[in-house]
C-alpha atoms as a PDB file:
ATOM      1  CA  MET A   1      35.318 -80.924 -14.623  1.00  0.00           C
ATOM      2  CA  THR A   2      39.071 -80.344 -14.599  1.00  0.00           C
ATOM      3  CA  ALA A   3      41.158 -78.508 -17.130  1.00  0.00           C
ATOM      4  CA  ALA A   4      43.616 -80.467 -19.216  1.00  0.00           C
ATOM      5  CA  ALA A   5      47.261 -79.983 -18.365  1.00  0.00           C
ATOM      6  CA  ALA A   6      49.463 -78.119 -20.793  1.00  0.00           C
ATOM      7  CA  PRO A   7      51.353 -80.431 -23.133  1.00  0.00           C
ATOM      8  CA  VAL A   8      54.925 -81.319 -22.231  1.00  0.00           C
ATOM      9  CA  PRO A   9      57.328 -79.379 -24.473  1.00  0.00           C
ATOM     10  CA  THR A  10      59.016 -81.355 -27.222  1.00  0.00           C
ATOM     11  CA  ASN A  11      62.785 -81.210 -27.702  1.00  0.00           C
ATOM     12  CA  ASP A  12      62.474 -78.150 -29.916  1.00  0.00           C
ATOM     13  CA  GLN A  13      60.123 -76.394 -27.447  1.00  0.00           C
ATOM     14  CA  THR A  14      62.021 -76.645 -24.177  1.00  0.00           C
ATOM     15  CA  PHE A  15      61.064 -74.375 -21.312  1.00  0.00           C
ATOM     16  CA  ASP A  16      63.768 -72.975 -19.061  1.00  0.00           C
ATOM     17  CA  ALA A  17      62.388 -71.138 -16.042  1.00  0.00           C
ATOM     18  CA  GLN A  18      65.848 -69.690 -15.392  1.00  0.00           C
ATOM     19  CA  ALA A  19      66.317 -68.331 -18.905  1.00  0.00           C
ATOM     20  CA  LYS A  20      67.068 -64.629 -19.079  1.00  0.00           C
ATOM     21  CA  PRO A  21      66.293 -62.375 -22.031  1.00  0.00           C
ATOM     22  CA  GLN A  22      69.218 -62.152 -24.379  1.00  0.00           C
ATOM     23  CA  GLU A  23      71.131 -58.947 -24.904  1.00  0.00           C
ATOM     24  CA  PRO A  24      70.897 -57.634 -28.471  1.00  0.00           C
ATOM     25  CA  HIS A  25      73.012 -59.825 -30.750  1.00  0.00           C
ATOM     26  CA  GLU A  26      74.159 -57.079 -33.078  1.00  0.00           C
ATOM     27  CA  PRO A  27      74.754 -53.365 -32.700  1.00  0.00           C
ATOM     28  CA  HIS A  28      71.632 -51.278 -33.015  1.00  0.00           C
ATOM     29  CA  GLU A  29      70.856 -47.612 -33.241  1.00  0.00           C
ATOM     30  CA  HIS A  30      70.924 -45.497 -30.060  1.00  0.00           C
ATOM     31  CA  TYR A  31      67.772 -43.739 -28.799  1.00  0.00           C
ATOM     32  CA  ASP A  32      67.142 -41.262 -26.019  1.00  0.00           C
ATOM     33  CA  PHE A  33      63.677 -42.653 -25.275  1.00  0.00           C
ATOM     34  CA  TYR A  34      61.656 -45.744 -26.013  1.00  0.00           C
ATOM     35  CA  ALA A  35      58.137 -44.310 -26.492  1.00  0.00           C
ATOM     36  CA  ALA A  36      55.824 -46.973 -25.041  1.00  0.00           C
ATOM     37  CA  GLY A  37      52.078 -46.741 -25.289  1.00  0.00           C
ATOM     38  CA  PRO A  38      48.964 -48.032 -26.985  1.00  0.00           C
ATOM     39  CA  PHE A  39      48.056 -47.153 -30.564  1.00  0.00           C
ATOM     40  CA  PHE A  40      44.904 -49.127 -31.203  1.00  0.00           C
ATOM     41  CA  ASN A  41      42.425 -46.290 -31.809  1.00  0.00           C
ATOM     42  CA  ASP A  42      42.464 -42.636 -32.885  1.00  0.00           C
ATOM     43  CA  GLU A  43      42.521 -41.253 -29.328  1.00  0.00           C
ATOM     44  CA  GLU A  44      45.550 -43.354 -28.401  1.00  0.00           C
ATOM     45  CA  ILE A  45      47.345 -42.524 -31.652  1.00  0.00           C
ATOM     46  CA  HIS A  46      46.777 -38.778 -31.181  1.00  0.00           C
ATOM     47  CA  SER A  47      48.046 -38.973 -27.603  1.00  0.00           C
ATOM     48  CA  MET A  48      51.160 -40.832 -28.770  1.00  0.00           C
ATOM     49  CA  GLU A  49      51.673 -38.223 -31.498  1.00  0.00           C
ATOM     50  CA  ARG A  50      51.552 -35.410 -28.911  1.00  0.00           C
ATOM     51  CA  LEU A  51      54.026 -37.223 -26.660  1.00  0.00           C
ATOM     52  CA  GLU A  52      56.407 -37.967 -29.530  1.00  0.00           C
ATOM     53  CA  ALA A  53      56.141 -34.427 -30.936  1.00  0.00           C
ATOM     54  CA  VAL A  54      57.229 -32.855 -27.636  1.00  0.00           C
ATOM     55  CA  LEU A  55      60.218 -35.152 -27.298  1.00  0.00           C
ATOM     56  CA  GLU A  56      61.295 -34.762 -30.915  1.00  0.00           C
ATOM     57  CA  SER A  57      60.838 -30.978 -30.885  1.00  0.00           C
ATOM     58  CA  HIS A  58      63.317 -30.962 -27.989  1.00  0.00           C
ATOM     59  CA  GLY A  59      65.885 -32.899 -29.994  1.00  0.00           C
ATOM     60  CA  ARG A  60      65.278 -36.334 -28.516  1.00  0.00           C
ATOM     61  CA  LYS A  61      65.647 -39.422 -30.675  1.00  0.00           C
ATOM     62  CA  LEU A  62      62.880 -41.984 -30.187  1.00  0.00           C
ATOM     63  CA  PHE A  63      62.333 -45.659 -30.719  1.00  0.00           C
ATOM     64  CA  LYS A  64      58.653 -45.891 -31.654  1.00  0.00           C
ATOM     65  CA  PRO A  65      57.319 -49.440 -31.478  1.00  0.00           C
ATOM     66  CA  ARG A  66      54.082 -48.334 -33.125  1.00  0.00           C
ATOM     67  CA  PHE A  67      55.985 -48.064 -36.413  1.00  0.00           C
ATOM     68  CA  GLY A  68      57.272 -51.647 -36.336  1.00  0.00           C
ATOM     69  CA  GLU A  69      56.387 -54.352 -38.780  1.00  0.00           C
ATOM     70  CA  ALA A  70      52.617 -54.077 -38.241  1.00  0.00           C
ATOM     71  CA  ASP A  71      51.852 -55.108 -41.820  1.00  0.00           C
ATOM     72  CA  LYS A  72      53.086 -58.630 -41.023  1.00  0.00           C
ATOM     73  CA  ARG A  73      50.611 -59.055 -38.156  1.00  0.00           C
ATOM     74  CA  GLU A  74      47.960 -60.912 -40.078  1.00  0.00           C
ATOM     75  CA  HIS A  75      50.153 -62.548 -42.697  1.00  0.00           C
ATOM     76  CA  ASP A  76      53.113 -64.035 -40.905  1.00  0.00           C
ATOM     77  CA  ALA A  77      53.027 -66.542 -38.043  1.00  0.00           C
ATOM     78  CA  ALA A  78      56.503 -65.359 -36.990  1.00  0.00           C
ATOM     79  CA  TRP A  79      55.331 -61.755 -36.522  1.00  0.00           C
ATOM     80  CA  PRO A  80      54.563 -61.927 -32.767  1.00  0.00           C
ATOM     81  CA  ARG A  81      58.073 -63.153 -31.919  1.00  0.00           C
ATOM     82  CA  PHE A  82      59.672 -60.704 -34.348  1.00  0.00           C
ATOM     83  CA  CYS A  83      57.703 -57.803 -32.845  1.00  0.00           C
ATOM     84  CA  PHE A  84      58.584 -58.865 -29.283  1.00  0.00           C
ATOM     85  CA  GLU A  85      62.298 -59.112 -30.079  1.00  0.00           C
ATOM     86  CA  GLN A  86      62.292 -55.825 -31.990  1.00  0.00           C
ATOM     87  CA  ASP A  87      60.694 -54.029 -29.037  1.00  0.00           C
ATOM     88  CA  ILE A  88      63.050 -55.637 -26.503  1.00  0.00           C
ATOM     89  CA  ASP A  89      65.982 -54.510 -28.656  1.00  0.00           C
ATOM     90  CA  GLY A  90      64.440 -51.024 -28.768  1.00  0.00           C
ATOM     91  CA  ILE A  91      64.379 -50.890 -24.978  1.00  0.00           C
ATOM     92  CA  HIS A  92      67.984 -52.139 -24.804  1.00  0.00           C
ATOM     93  CA  ASP A  93      69.033 -49.458 -27.297  1.00  0.00           C
ATOM     94  CA  SER A  94      67.383 -46.608 -25.364  1.00  0.00           C
ATOM     95  CA  ASP A  95      68.562 -44.526 -22.431  1.00  0.00           C
ATOM     96  CA  ALA A  96      65.077 -44.376 -20.869  1.00  0.00           C
ATOM     97  CA  VAL A  97      61.466 -45.421 -21.374  1.00  0.00           C
ATOM     98  CA  ILE A  98      58.565 -42.991 -21.399  1.00  0.00           C
ATOM     99  CA  ALA A  99      55.208 -44.719 -21.204  1.00  0.00           C
ATOM    100  CA  ASN A 100      51.846 -43.278 -22.166  1.00  0.00           C
ATOM    101  CA  LEU A 101      49.288 -44.357 -19.561  1.00  0.00           C
ATOM    102  CA  ILE A 102      46.240 -43.370 -21.615  1.00  0.00           C
ATOM    103  CA  ASP A 103      44.799 -46.793 -20.785  1.00  0.00           C
ATOM    104  CA  GLY A 104      45.884 -49.976 -19.068  1.00  0.00           C
ATOM    105  CA  ASP A 105      47.557 -51.466 -22.133  1.00  0.00           C
ATOM    106  CA  THR A 106      49.276 -54.642 -20.958  1.00  0.00           C
ATOM    107  CA  GLY A 107      52.113 -54.315 -23.462  1.00  0.00           C
ATOM    108  CA  THR A 108      52.946 -50.874 -22.095  1.00  0.00           C
ATOM    109  CA  MET A 109      52.843 -52.211 -18.540  1.00  0.00           C
ATOM    110  CA  PHE A 110      55.262 -54.984 -19.526  1.00  0.00           C
ATOM    111  CA  GLU A 111      57.638 -52.456 -21.119  1.00  0.00           C
ATOM    112  CA  ILE A 112      57.613 -50.374 -17.919  1.00  0.00           C
ATOM    113  CA  GLY A 113      58.377 -53.407 -15.756  1.00  0.00           C
ATOM    114  CA  TYR A 114      61.031 -54.747 -18.098  1.00  0.00           C
ATOM    115  CA  ALA A 115      62.868 -51.408 -18.279  1.00  0.00           C
ATOM    116  CA  TYR A 116      62.591 -50.911 -14.514  1.00  0.00           C
ATOM    117  CA  SER A 117      64.001 -54.384 -13.876  1.00  0.00           C
ATOM    118  CA  ARG A 118      66.993 -53.470 -16.044  1.00  0.00           C
ATOM    119  CA  GLY A 119      67.656 -50.377 -13.914  1.00  0.00           C
ATOM    120  CA  MET A 120      66.629 -47.937 -16.641  1.00  0.00           C
ATOM    121  CA  PRO A 121      64.929 -44.611 -15.943  1.00  0.00           C
ATOM    122  CA  VAL A 122      61.205 -44.910 -16.626  1.00  0.00           C
ATOM    123  CA  TYR A 123      58.789 -41.985 -16.940  1.00  0.00           C
ATOM    124  CA  ALA A 124      55.014 -41.913 -17.285  1.00  0.00           C
ATOM    125  CA  TYR A 125      52.913 -39.630 -19.462  1.00  0.00           C
ATOM    126  CA  TYR A 126      49.268 -39.305 -18.403  1.00  0.00           C
ATOM    127  CA  GLU A 127      47.479 -36.447 -20.149  1.00  0.00           C
ATOM    128  CA  GLY A 128      45.168 -34.512 -17.868  1.00  0.00           C
ATOM    129  CA  VAL A 129      45.798 -36.611 -14.761  1.00  0.00           C
ATOM    130  CA  LYS A 130      43.703 -35.308 -11.834  1.00  0.00           C
ATOM    131  CA  PRO A 131      43.892 -35.903  -8.059  1.00  0.00           C
ATOM    132  CA  ALA A 132      40.958 -38.323  -8.273  1.00  0.00           C
ATOM    133  CA  ASP A 133      42.663 -40.407 -10.995  1.00  0.00           C
ATOM    134  CA  THR A 134      44.419 -43.624 -10.055  1.00  0.00           C
ATOM    135  CA  ILE A 135      47.644 -45.224 -11.184  1.00  0.00           C
ATOM    136  CA  ASN A 136      48.430 -48.767 -10.181  1.00  0.00           C
ATOM    137  CA  LEU A 137      51.013 -48.656  -7.382  1.00  0.00           C
ATOM    138  CA  MET A 138      53.350 -51.031  -9.233  1.00  0.00           C
ATOM    139  CA  ILE A 139      53.496 -48.543 -12.099  1.00  0.00           C
ATOM    140  CA  ALA A 140      53.550 -45.417  -9.916  1.00  0.00           C
ATOM    141  CA  GLN A 141      56.451 -46.829  -7.890  1.00  0.00           C
ATOM    142  CA  SER A 142      58.362 -47.842 -11.047  1.00  0.00           C
ATOM    143  CA  VAL A 143      58.448 -44.415 -12.653  1.00  0.00           C
ATOM    144  CA  SER A 144      60.667 -41.466 -11.795  1.00  0.00           C
ATOM    145  CA  ALA A 145      58.017 -38.918 -12.771  1.00  0.00           C
ATOM    146  CA  VAL A 146      54.490 -38.650 -14.125  1.00  0.00           C
ATOM    147  CA  PHE A 147      53.989 -35.915 -16.721  1.00  0.00           C
ATOM    148  CA  ALA A 148      50.457 -34.499 -16.974  1.00  0.00           C
ATOM    149  CA  GLY A 149      50.650 -33.697 -20.688  1.00  0.00           C
ATOM    150  CA  PRO A 150      52.701 -32.017 -23.396  1.00  0.00           C
ATOM    151  CA  ASP A 151      53.276 -28.731 -21.536  1.00  0.00           C
ATOM    152  CA  ASP A 152      54.424 -30.495 -18.368  1.00  0.00           C
ATOM    153  CA  LEU A 153      56.821 -32.706 -20.331  1.00  0.00           C
ATOM    154  CA  ALA A 154      58.141 -29.751 -22.353  1.00  0.00           C
ATOM    155  CA  HIS A 155      58.766 -27.753 -19.167  1.00  0.00           C
ATOM    156  CA  TRP A 156      60.832 -30.611 -17.721  1.00  0.00           C
ATOM    157  CA  LEU A 157      62.820 -31.014 -20.959  1.00  0.00           C
ATOM    158  CA  GLU A 158      63.554 -27.270 -21.033  1.00  0.00           C
ATOM    159  CA  THR A 159      64.303 -26.673 -17.360  1.00  0.00           C
ATOM    160  CA  GLY A 160      64.873 -30.023 -15.655  1.00  0.00           C
ATOM    161  CA  GLU A 161      62.159 -28.980 -13.190  1.00  0.00           C
ATOM    162  CA  HIS A 162      59.072 -31.045 -12.513  1.00  0.00           C
ATOM    163  CA  THR A 163      56.229 -30.976 -10.003  1.00  0.00           C
ATOM    164  CA  GLN A 164      54.579 -34.355  -9.650  1.00  0.00           C
ATOM    165  CA  PRO A 165      50.813 -34.114 -10.313  1.00  0.00           C
ATOM    166  CA  GLU A 166      48.462 -35.454  -7.680  1.00  0.00           C
ATOM    167  CA  PHE A 167      46.891 -38.862  -8.234  1.00  0.00           C
ATOM    168  CA  LYS A 168      45.922 -41.895  -6.183  1.00  0.00           C
ATOM    169  CA  GLN A 169      47.897 -45.129  -6.114  1.00  0.00           C
ATOM    170  CA  PHE A 170      46.090 -48.422  -5.749  1.00  0.00           C
END
């Protein structure tokens, strides 16, 4: 049995393999950090809250995609595209991305790769990372630093000093 081929796009659904993401079309607010990370359960939300609290307590302005138009998710067919564009604009409007690696959230991994491809500084936040823990090499090689939790991040924000925690790359 063979799978059916994808339908050919109609005139209003053209596919351009060379198309590049558009720059924001209108001026947006400026942010120090785009705070990427999952927020699908209490553990993830609490981890994001700790990350955001450290940055904000050190005077950093954040774009927080978790506070986007989530209420439209189930009611509006245009929500996925709106959310995507809003988050892309948030990355464009930020000086750097800091990504919470609490799990392998694919959206977070995309945000890391997108920011890296734009030449932006990207940082990882991985609470309690231990030498036996692994980080995918594509992510580990994309980030300038991995912070092992709130205290590690706060120390860097206060002093500019950071010691990379040990972990394995795969």
